[in-house]
Amino acid sequence: MKAVGFKTSLPISEENSFIDFETAKPVPVGHELLVKISAISVNPVDFKIRQNSAKDTVLDNPKIIGWDAVGVVEAVGENVSLFKVGDEVYYAGDITKQGSNAEYQVIDERIVGKKPKTLTIAEAAAIPLTALTAWEIFFDRMRLSAEKDKGKTLLIIAGAGGVGSIAIQLAKKLLGLKVIATASRPETIEWCKQLGADLVVNHRDLVNEVRNAGFQYVDFIVDFVDTNAYWDSMADLIKPQGHIASITGSAAPVVLNKLKTKSVSFSWEFMYTRSTFQTEDMIEQHHILNKVADMFDNGELVSTLRQTLVGLSADTLKKAHKQLESGTTIGKLAIQF
């Protein structure tokens, strides 16, 4: 099969930052599906892994990355029960396994969902990683519910990004929260408003922007861009006994002591935890993806796709990574094969 990968971590401007190559088509076993991929999308995690996973070394075989994917089941392992050959599926993958920048991929059925019928393959490819991340951060980490939290305030840092774009919608549709999103450019401000944000504030002066809008504190904060860069602002703005959650990690320790006097809770969300550790509730990602598909098909959610490239090639992946690394991407970018 055809695939795109790399043997060493290089700047995206370098000729061999991605290379085209041929490799054996994988064979599904156990709970695995063999999926013929028709579209993928690119996320910040993709370029971060490309930049860091083969530093100062040259791999014997090219590493295939990429996680979001849409495709058709071509074969199944002996223990598969959730899907059959011919099913259209979408998923965010497993960070410990071969990625989706290839013609075929094997993937555990328990982290795969049915493709939303009303979305194109490119639109569907844009959804899994961001939807799973937003869903897990709200319901599994922060344990929010419409019954107890409807009408409370949520600050989303990086509202126009991939995760922010779906998080705004889920927070409004499923939780009934008052959503304050951060954005600074006219086009990103408008995008957040279109998706349902009640208020958009500039992240460059976050505390004053939120306070000037009439909010001394907010009940919940989710960070989708840089934990430590906004840590002091989050600690200042969070309501006593509130909850902060982040997906971005930090090279330096996070100063949790700043939350102590307010008795604030803090959670990390890592969408790959379930697949990496084969947790007992790993199949929850299958259920979440199916629920999200139903919400799209019922018209409750709108596509977050903003740009589509065409072709499985090193050149196309380079263009996609260059765009993501610019930090100016609105919503999601997909590649249709």
Protein backbone atom coordinates (compact mmCIF):
# COMPACT_ATOMS: atom_id res chain seq x y z
CA MET A 1 0.00 0.00 0.00
CA LYS A 2 0.98 3.63 -0.42
CA ALA A 3 1.91 5.60 2.69
CA VAL A 4 3.50 8.87 3.77
CA GLY A 5 5.95 9.01 6.66
CA PHE A 6 9.33 10.25 7.86
CA LYS A 7 12.61 8.74 9.08
CA THR A 8 13.81 11.71 11.10
CA SER A 9 12.26 14.82 12.66
CA LEU A 10 12.87 17.76 10.34
CA PRO A 11 11.40 21.25 9.87
CA ILE A 12 8.42 21.07 7.52
CA SER A 13 10.34 23.16 4.96
CA GLU A 14 12.89 20.34 4.50
CA GLU A 15 12.49 18.04 1.48
CA ASN A 16 12.42 14.85 3.58
CA SER A 17 10.16 16.12 6.37
CA PHE A 18 7.68 13.71 4.74
CA ILE A 19 8.44 10.99 2.21
CA ASP A 20 6.25 8.83 -0.04
CA PHE A 21 6.86 5.08 0.24
CA GLU A 22 5.28 1.65 -0.18
CA THR A 23 4.73 -0.78 2.67
CA ALA A 24 2.79 -3.98 3.38
CA LYS A 25 -0.96 -3.72 3.85
CA PRO A 26 -1.72 -4.60 7.50
CA VAL A 27 -3.83 -7.62 8.49
CA PRO A 28 -6.53 -7.23 11.17
CA VAL A 29 -6.55 -9.56 14.19
CA GLY A 30 -8.70 -9.75 17.33
CA HIS A 31 -10.86 -6.63 17.65
CA GLU A 32 -9.19 -4.85 14.70
CA LEU A 33 -10.80 -3.54 11.54
CA LEU A 34 -8.88 -3.10 8.29
CA VAL A 35 -10.06 0.26 6.95
CA LYS A 36 -9.50 1.54 3.41
CA ILE A 37 -9.05 5.24 4.17
CA SER A 38 -10.81 7.87 2.06
CA ALA A 39 -10.06 11.06 4.03
CA ILE A 40 -8.08 12.25 7.05
CA SER A 41 -7.71 15.48 8.97
CA VAL A 42 -4.65 17.06 10.54
CA ASN A 43 -4.36 18.23 14.15
CA PRO A 44 -1.66 20.00 16.19
CA VAL A 45 -0.74 16.64 17.74
CA ASP A 46 0.36 15.50 14.26
CA PHE A 47 3.03 18.14 13.78
CA LYS A 48 4.15 17.96 17.41
CA ILE A 49 4.83 14.24 17.04
CA ARG A 50 6.53 14.76 13.67
CA GLN A 51 8.79 17.37 15.26
CA ASN A 52 9.72 15.30 18.31
CA SER A 53 9.40 11.53 17.77
CA ALA A 54 12.56 11.03 15.69
CA LYS A 55 14.85 13.80 16.90
CA ASP A 56 18.58 13.23 16.40
CA THR A 57 17.98 9.79 14.94
CA VAL A 58 17.19 8.11 11.63
CA LEU A 59 14.57 5.36 11.79
CA ASP A 60 15.08 2.11 9.88
CA ASN A 61 11.51 2.27 8.59
CA PRO A 62 9.46 5.43 8.01
CA LYS A 63 7.06 6.35 10.80
CA ILE A 64 3.44 6.78 9.71
CA ILE A 65 1.53 9.34 11.75
CA GLY A 66 -1.97 10.82 11.45
CA TRP A 67 -5.03 9.95 13.48
CA ASP A 68 -8.38 11.32 12.33
CA ALA A 69 -9.70 9.16 9.49
CA VAL A 70 -12.79 8.13 7.55
CA GLY A 71 -13.03 5.01 5.46
CA VAL A 72 -14.72 1.72 4.63
CA VAL A 73 -14.18 -1.56 6.50
CA GLU A 74 -12.46 -4.01 4.15
CA ALA A 75 -11.72 -6.89 6.54
CA VAL A 76 -12.23 -7.71 10.25
CA GLY A 77 -10.40 -9.59 12.97
CA GLU A 78 -11.80 -12.76 14.51
CA ASN A 79 -13.27 -11.01 17.58
CA VAL A 80 -14.99 -8.10 15.84
CA SER A 81 -18.69 -7.71 16.66
CA LEU A 82 -19.49 -4.00 16.19
CA PHE A 83 -18.86 -3.64 12.44
CA LYS A 84 -18.91 -5.63 9.22
CA VAL A 85 -17.18 -5.40 5.85
CA GLY A 86 -18.55 -2.47 3.86
CA ASP A 87 -19.41 -0.25 6.84
CA GLU A 88 -18.43 3.43 6.62
CA VAL A 89 -16.56 4.43 9.78
CA TYR A 90 -14.70 7.31 11.38
CA TYR A 91 -12.22 7.43 14.25
CA ALA A 92 -9.34 9.29 15.90
CA GLY A 93 -6.92 6.39 16.13
CA ASP A 94 -4.42 5.15 18.66
CA ILE A 95 -1.25 7.13 19.30
CA THR A 96 0.73 3.94 20.00
CA LYS A 97 -0.04 2.40 16.59
CA GLN A 98 0.57 3.11 12.90
CA GLY A 99 -1.26 6.25 11.81
CA SER A 100 -3.77 7.14 9.12
CA ASN A 101 -1.46 8.79 6.56
CA ALA A 102 -1.76 5.66 4.41
CA GLU A 103 -4.14 3.84 2.08
CA TYR A 104 -5.05 1.28 4.75
CA GLN A 105 -4.99 1.11 8.54
CA VAL A 106 -5.90 -1.41 11.22
CA ILE A 107 -7.83 0.06 14.13
CA ASP A 108 -9.52 -1.40 17.23
CA GLU A 109 -13.30 -1.44 16.71
CA ARG A 110 -13.87 -0.18 20.27
CA ILE A 111 -12.55 3.28 19.35
CA VAL A 112 -14.40 3.48 16.02
CA GLY A 113 -17.82 4.98 15.27
CA LYS A 114 -20.27 4.93 12.37
CA LYS A 115 -19.63 7.77 9.92
CA PRO A 116 -22.27 10.52 10.12
CA LYS A 117 -24.52 9.94 7.09
CA THR A 118 -25.13 13.63 6.41
CA LEU A 119 -21.45 14.63 6.29
CA THR A 120 -19.07 14.34 3.35
CA ILE A 121 -15.99 12.19 3.92
CA ALA A 122 -13.86 15.32 4.42
CA GLU A 123 -16.37 16.81 6.89
CA ALA A 124 -16.52 13.54 8.82
CA ALA A 125 -12.73 13.21 8.93
CA ALA A 126 -12.56 16.58 10.67
CA ILE A 127 -14.61 15.44 13.65
CA PRO A 128 -13.35 12.43 15.71
CA LEU A 129 -10.31 13.71 17.62
CA THR A 130 -11.83 17.08 18.46
CA ALA A 131 -15.26 15.71 19.35
CA LEU A 132 -13.84 12.98 21.58
CA THR A 133 -11.57 15.50 23.31
CA ALA A 134 -14.35 18.00 23.95
CA TRP A 135 -16.81 15.30 25.06
CA GLU A 136 -14.34 13.68 27.44
CA ILE A 137 -13.22 16.98 28.96
CA PHE A 138 -16.82 18.00 29.74
CA PHE A 139 -18.36 14.69 30.76
CA ASP A 140 -15.51 12.41 31.92
CA ARG A 141 -13.06 14.89 33.44
CA MET A 142 -15.19 17.83 34.63
CA ARG A 143 -18.33 15.69 35.07
CA LEU A 144 -20.65 18.45 33.90
CA SER A 145 -24.35 17.87 33.32
CA ALA A 146 -27.26 19.98 32.09
CA GLU A 147 -29.23 19.09 35.22
CA LYS A 148 -26.83 20.77 37.64
CA ASP A 149 -24.83 23.16 35.42
CA LYS A 150 -27.27 24.69 32.92
CA GLY A 151 -26.84 28.48 32.77
CA LYS A 152 -23.38 28.48 34.36
CA THR A 153 -20.44 30.19 32.65
CA LEU A 154 -17.75 28.44 30.64
CA LEU A 155 -14.62 30.15 29.32
CA ILE A 156 -13.10 28.40 26.29
CA ILE A 157 -9.51 29.48 25.56
CA ALA A 158 -8.86 29.09 21.80
CA GLY A 159 -12.47 29.05 20.69
CA ALA A 160 -11.79 29.06 16.94
CA GLY A 161 -9.42 26.08 16.90
CA GLY A 162 -10.41 22.52 16.08
CA VAL A 163 -11.37 21.46 19.61
CA GLY A 164 -12.81 24.86 20.49
CA SER A 165 -15.05 24.80 17.42
CA ILE A 166 -16.82 21.60 18.49
CA ALA A 167 -16.61 22.38 22.23
CA ILE A 168 -18.63 25.59 21.77
CA GLN A 169 -21.39 23.58 20.11
CA LEU A 170 -21.44 20.73 22.66
CA ALA A 171 -21.41 23.19 25.58
CA LYS A 172 -24.46 24.96 24.16
CA LYS A 173 -26.43 21.99 22.83
CA LEU A 174 -25.84 19.41 25.57
CA LEU A 175 -25.08 21.47 28.67
CA GLY A 176 -26.87 24.78 28.19
CA LEU A 177 -23.85 26.75 29.39
CA LYS A 178 -23.19 30.43 28.81
CA VAL A 179 -20.11 30.23 26.59
CA ILE A 180 -17.36 32.85 26.56
CA ALA A 181 -14.79 32.05 23.86
CA THR A 182 -11.44 33.68 23.16
CA ALA A 183 -10.46 34.95 19.69
CA SER A 184 -8.63 38.02 18.42
CA ARG A 185 -9.07 38.31 14.64
CA PRO A 186 -12.31 39.47 12.97
CA GLU A 187 -12.68 36.14 11.15
CA THR A 188 -12.11 34.02 14.28
CA ILE A 189 -14.46 36.19 16.34
CA GLU A 190 -17.18 35.76 13.73
CA TRP A 191 -16.53 31.99 13.52
CA CYS A 192 -17.01 31.58 17.30
CA LYS A 193 -20.24 33.56 17.19
CA GLN A 194 -21.56 31.49 14.28
CA LEU A 195 -20.94 28.32 16.30
CA GLY A 196 -22.97 29.66 19.22
CA ALA A 197 -20.60 31.48 21.59
CA ASP A 198 -22.55 33.97 23.72
CA LEU A 199 -19.55 36.26 24.03
CA VAL A 200 -16.10 36.47 22.42
CA VAL A 201 -13.18 38.08 24.25
CA ASN A 202 -9.60 38.82 23.25
CA HIS A 203 -7.10 36.41 24.79
CA ARG A 204 -4.34 39.03 24.68
CA ASP A 205 -5.83 40.79 27.73
CA LEU A 206 -7.93 37.97 29.06
CA VAL A 207 -8.66 39.01 32.64
CA ASN A 208 -9.65 42.57 31.79
CA GLU A 209 -11.67 41.45 28.78
CA VAL A 210 -13.74 39.03 30.87
CA ARG A 211 -14.15 41.47 33.76
CA ASN A 212 -15.11 44.33 31.45
CA ALA A 213 -17.77 42.08 29.96
CA GLY A 214 -19.36 41.84 33.40
CA PHE A 215 -17.95 38.59 34.79
CA GLN A 216 -15.86 38.74 37.94
CA TYR A 217 -15.47 34.95 37.87
CA VAL A 218 -16.48 32.09 35.58
CA ASP A 219 -17.64 28.67 36.76
CA PHE A 220 -15.55 26.58 34.37
CA ILE A 221 -12.49 27.10 32.15
CA VAL A 222 -11.11 24.83 29.43
CA ASP A 223 -7.71 25.53 27.87
CA PHE A 224 -7.07 24.32 24.34
CA VAL A 225 -3.85 26.17 23.56
CA ASP A 226 -1.20 26.68 26.29
CA THR A 227 -1.68 25.81 29.96
CA ASN A 228 1.10 27.85 31.53
CA ALA A 229 0.73 30.85 29.25
CA TYR A 230 -2.78 31.39 30.62
CA TRP A 231 -2.34 29.86 34.07
CA ASP A 232 -2.28 33.10 36.08
CA SER A 233 -5.29 34.44 34.18
CA MET A 234 -7.22 31.20 34.69
CA ALA A 235 -6.38 31.13 38.40
CA ASP A 236 -7.60 34.73 38.68
CA LEU A 237 -10.83 34.26 36.71
CA ILE A 238 -12.01 30.89 38.00
CA LYS A 239 -14.83 30.99 40.51
CA PRO A 240 -14.16 29.60 44.00
CA GLN A 241 -14.89 25.85 43.90
CA GLY A 242 -14.83 25.98 40.10
CA HIS A 243 -13.09 23.61 37.69
CA ILE A 244 -10.29 24.15 35.15
CA ALA A 245 -9.32 21.54 32.57
CA SER A 246 -6.64 21.52 29.88
CA ILE A 247 -5.50 19.38 26.96
CA THR A 248 -2.21 21.08 26.19
CA GLY A 249 0.29 19.80 28.74
CA SER A 250 3.25 21.84 29.88
CA ALA A 251 7.03 21.62 29.66
CA ALA A 252 7.26 23.36 33.04
CA PRO A 253 5.40 22.33 36.22
CA VAL A 254 1.91 23.77 36.62
CA VAL A 255 1.63 25.78 39.84
CA LEU A 256 -1.41 24.11 41.38
CA ASN A 257 -0.91 26.04 44.63
CA LYS A 258 -2.51 29.03 42.93
CA LEU A 259 -5.82 27.16 43.03
CA LYS A 260 -5.66 26.16 46.71
CA THR A 261 -7.40 29.06 48.43
CA LYS A 262 -10.32 28.84 46.01
CA SER A 263 -10.56 25.03 46.34
CA VAL A 264 -10.53 24.81 42.54
CA SER A 265 -10.37 21.43 40.78
CA PHE A 266 -7.98 20.84 37.87
CA SER A 267 -8.07 18.04 35.28
CA TRP A 268 -5.96 16.93 32.36
CA GLU A 269 -7.64 15.48 29.29
CA PHE A 270 -5.70 13.21 26.94
CA MET A 271 -7.94 11.67 24.33
CA TYR A 272 -5.54 8.73 23.79
CA THR A 273 -5.61 7.54 27.40
CA ARG A 274 -8.27 4.90 26.78
CA SER A 275 -6.54 3.31 23.77
CA THR A 276 -2.98 3.68 25.12
CA PHE A 277 -3.80 1.87 28.37
CA GLN A 278 -6.57 -0.38 26.98
CA THR A 279 -8.83 0.83 29.79
CA GLU A 280 -11.87 -1.18 30.84
CA ASP A 281 -14.13 1.53 29.43
CA MET A 282 -12.28 1.83 26.12
CA ILE A 283 -15.51 1.15 24.22
CA GLU A 284 -16.88 4.49 25.47
CA GLN A 285 -15.15 6.14 22.53
CA HIS A 286 -17.21 3.96 20.18
CA HIS A 287 -20.38 5.13 21.96
CA ILE A 288 -19.32 8.80 21.99
CA LEU A 289 -18.54 8.81 18.26
CA ASN A 290 -21.93 7.25 17.53
CA LYS A 291 -23.72 9.84 19.68
CA VAL A 292 -21.84 12.65 17.92
CA ALA A 293 -22.73 11.12 14.52
CA ASP A 294 -26.40 11.13 15.52
CA MET A 295 -26.16 14.79 16.57
CA PHE A 296 -24.78 15.71 13.13
CA ASP A 297 -27.40 13.65 11.35
CA ASN A 298 -30.14 15.29 13.46
CA GLY A 299 -28.88 18.75 12.58
CA GLU A 300 -27.79 19.59 16.13
CA LEU A 301 -24.12 20.16 15.19
CA VAL A 302 -22.53 21.88 12.20
CA SER A 303 -19.32 20.97 10.41
CA THR A 304 -16.07 22.51 11.66
CA LEU A 305 -14.26 21.84 8.36
CA ARG A 306 -12.80 24.98 6.77
CA GLN A 307 -10.22 23.72 4.26
CA THR A 308 -9.78 20.55 2.18
CA LEU A 309 -6.65 19.42 0.35
CA VAL A 310 -6.63 16.52 -2.12
CA GLY A 311 -4.28 13.56 -2.46
CA LEU A 312 -2.30 11.16 -0.26
CA SER A 313 1.23 12.46 -0.83
CA ALA A 314 4.21 13.92 0.98
CA ASP A 315 3.57 17.27 -0.71
CA THR A 316 -0.03 17.42 0.54
CA LEU A 317 0.99 16.51 4.09
CA LYS A 318 3.69 19.18 4.02
CA LYS A 319 1.14 21.80 3.01
CA ALA A 320 -1.23 20.69 5.78
CA HIS A 321 1.46 20.68 8.48
CA LYS A 322 2.78 24.07 7.36
CA GLN A 323 -0.73 25.50 7.72
CA LEU A 324 -1.25 23.97 11.18
CA GLU A 325 2.16 25.15 12.37
CA SER A 326 1.28 28.73 11.38
CA GLY A 327 -1.13 28.89 14.31
CA THR A 328 -3.74 30.67 12.17
CA THR A 329 -5.97 27.71 11.26
CA ILE A 330 -9.69 28.23 11.87
CA GLY A 331 -11.69 25.07 12.53
CA LYS A 332 -10.34 21.97 10.80
CA LEU A 333 -8.27 21.05 7.74
CA ALA A 334 -8.89 17.73 5.96
CA ILE A 335 -7.18 15.78 3.19
CA GLN A 336 -9.34 13.75 0.81
CA PHE A 337 -7.57 10.84 -0.89
